[in-house]
Every structure is written in C-alpha cells, then in structure tokens.
Amino acid sequence: MIEFVMMLSMWGQTATGNWTYIGNQYVYNTPMTKEVCEKKINSKNWSIHQNNQYYRIQFDCMPVPKVKM
C-alpha cells in the first residue's frame, strides 16, 4: 500500500500572473492513506484567511518513498 503525507507549500504570483513555488513548505510526517490525506486537505475542512492576493498556501498529498534496505 502506498502511504501519503500532507504537505503545505508557499507560492507567489509573478508579474505575468504565473504562480511559482517560493521555497517554504511544511510536511505533516504522519503517513496515511491517499483517501484520508485528500479528506484532510479538502478546503471545506479549513478556515482560510487570505489577505494578500500575490501569495497563497497550497495543500498537497505526497507519496512517501519506499526505502530499500
């Protein structure tokens, strides 16, 4: 089974209107199923307060790489 972790990353909007990753991220290091992770990142589960139209926080579910021993 593939496990996933929840990741929050910061993005900034360029002068041309494109969104670009600005280098900051937070990872919730508790592995979970994809379904559980997707439920956690659903915007209906969060209170969102955005005061700057040029920055945003993006929520993603990222697979945990398998470590070969």
C-alpha atoms as a PDB file:
ATOM      1  CA  MET A   1       0.000   0.000   0.000  1.00  0.00           C
ATOM      2  CA  ILE A   2       1.281   3.466  -0.877  1.00  0.00           C
ATOM      3  CA  GLU A   3       1.259   5.891   2.050  1.00  0.00           C
ATOM      4  CA  PHE A   4       0.946   9.664   1.767  1.00  0.00           C
ATOM      5  CA  VAL A   5       1.879  12.707   3.840  1.00  0.00           C
ATOM      6  CA  MET A   6       0.192  16.094   3.852  1.00  0.00           C
ATOM      7  CA  MET A   7       2.318  18.987   2.569  1.00  0.00           C
ATOM      8  CA  LEU A   8       1.665  22.732   2.779  1.00  0.00           C
ATOM      9  CA  SER A   9       3.761  24.910   0.473  1.00  0.00           C
ATOM     10  CA  MET A  10       4.039  28.650  -0.179  1.00  0.00           C
ATOM     11  CA  TRP A  11       3.503  30.103  -3.639  1.00  0.00           C
ATOM     12  CA  GLY A  12       3.884  33.616  -5.055  1.00  0.00           C
ATOM     13  CA  GLN A  13       2.352  35.181  -8.130  1.00  0.00           C
ATOM     14  CA  THR A  14       4.756  36.676 -10.662  1.00  0.00           C
ATOM     15  CA  ALA A  15       4.250  39.920 -12.571  1.00  0.00           C
ATOM     16  CA  THR A  16       2.993  37.843 -15.520  1.00  0.00           C
ATOM     17  CA  GLY A  17       0.344  36.158 -13.347  1.00  0.00           C
ATOM     18  CA  ASN A  18       2.046  32.762 -13.047  1.00  0.00           C
ATOM     19  CA  TRP A  19       2.249  31.007  -9.687  1.00  0.00           C
ATOM     20  CA  THR A  20       5.735  29.898  -8.601  1.00  0.00           C
ATOM     21  CA  TYR A  21       6.934  27.941  -5.566  1.00  0.00           C
ATOM     22  CA  ILE A  22       8.816  30.334  -3.260  1.00  0.00           C
ATOM     23  CA  GLY A  23      10.736  27.757  -1.240  1.00  0.00           C
ATOM     24  CA  ASN A  24       8.870  27.194   2.019  1.00  0.00           C
ATOM     25  CA  GLN A  25       6.963  24.038   2.880  1.00  0.00           C
ATOM     26  CA  TYR A  26       5.645  22.163   5.870  1.00  0.00           C
ATOM     27  CA  VAL A  27       5.150  18.391   5.886  1.00  0.00           C
ATOM     28  CA  TYR A  28       2.866  16.573   8.321  1.00  0.00           C
ATOM     29  CA  ASN A  29       5.069  13.497   8.808  1.00  0.00           C
ATOM     30  CA  THR A  30       2.325  11.049   9.748  1.00  0.00           C
ATOM     31  CA  PRO A  31       1.767   8.585   6.875  1.00  0.00           C
ATOM     32  CA  MET A  32      -1.850   7.976   5.887  1.00  0.00           C
ATOM     33  CA  THR A  33      -3.857   6.594   3.004  1.00  0.00           C
ATOM     34  CA  LYS A  34      -4.449   8.797  -0.014  1.00  0.00           C
ATOM     35  CA  GLU A  35      -8.159   8.961   0.815  1.00  0.00           C
ATOM     36  CA  VAL A  36      -7.535  10.175   4.380  1.00  0.00           C
ATOM     37  CA  CYS A  37      -4.988  12.732   3.186  1.00  0.00           C
ATOM     38  CA  GLU A  38      -7.306  14.090   0.498  1.00  0.00           C
ATOM     39  CA  LYS A  39     -10.076  14.453   3.077  1.00  0.00           C
ATOM     40  CA  LYS A  40      -7.737  16.392   5.394  1.00  0.00           C
ATOM     41  CA  ILE A  41      -6.665  18.851   2.681  1.00  0.00           C
ATOM     42  CA  ASN A  42     -10.215  19.476   1.437  1.00  0.00           C
ATOM     43  CA  SER A  43     -10.836  23.230   1.668  1.00  0.00           C
ATOM     44  CA  LYS A  44     -14.162  22.576   3.434  1.00  0.00           C
ATOM     45  CA  ASN A  45     -12.147  21.443   6.483  1.00  0.00           C
ATOM     46  CA  TRP A  46     -10.160  24.682   6.835  1.00  0.00           C
ATOM     47  CA  SER A  47     -10.835  28.296   7.731  1.00  0.00           C
ATOM     48  CA  ILE A  48      -8.969  30.264   5.094  1.00  0.00           C
ATOM     49  CA  HIS A  49      -7.875  33.861   5.657  1.00  0.00           C
ATOM     50  CA  GLN A  50      -6.105  35.301   2.624  1.00  0.00           C
ATOM     51  CA  ASN A  51      -5.110  38.950   2.875  1.00  0.00           C
ATOM     52  CA  ASN A  52      -2.564  39.117   0.052  1.00  0.00           C
ATOM     53  CA  GLN A  53      -3.611  38.179  -3.483  1.00  0.00           C
ATOM     54  CA  TYR A  54       0.006  37.605  -4.525  1.00  0.00           C
ATOM     55  CA  TYR A  55       0.735  34.763  -2.068  1.00  0.00           C
ATOM     56  CA  ARG A  56      -1.041  31.503  -1.321  1.00  0.00           C
ATOM     57  CA  ILE A  57      -0.618  28.283   0.595  1.00  0.00           C
ATOM     58  CA  GLN A  58      -1.122  25.090  -1.386  1.00  0.00           C
ATOM     59  CA  PHE A  59      -2.128  21.775   0.184  1.00  0.00           C
ATOM     60  CA  ASP A  60      -0.970  18.526  -1.423  1.00  0.00           C
ATOM     61  CA  CYS A  61      -0.817  14.811  -0.651  1.00  0.00           C
ATOM     62  CA  MET A  62       2.606  13.424  -1.493  1.00  0.00           C
ATOM     63  CA  PRO A  63       3.505   9.724  -1.646  1.00  0.00           C
ATOM     64  CA  VAL A  64       6.042   8.501   0.887  1.00  0.00           C
ATOM     65  CA  PRO A  65       9.010   6.983  -0.957  1.00  0.00           C
ATOM     66  CA  LYS A  66       9.721   3.349  -0.231  1.00  0.00           C
ATOM     67  CA  VAL A  67      13.126   2.867   1.365  1.00  0.00           C
ATOM     68  CA  LYS A  68      15.021  -0.174   0.077  1.00  0.00           C
ATOM     69  CA  MET A  69      17.093  -1.987   2.671  1.00  0.00           C
END
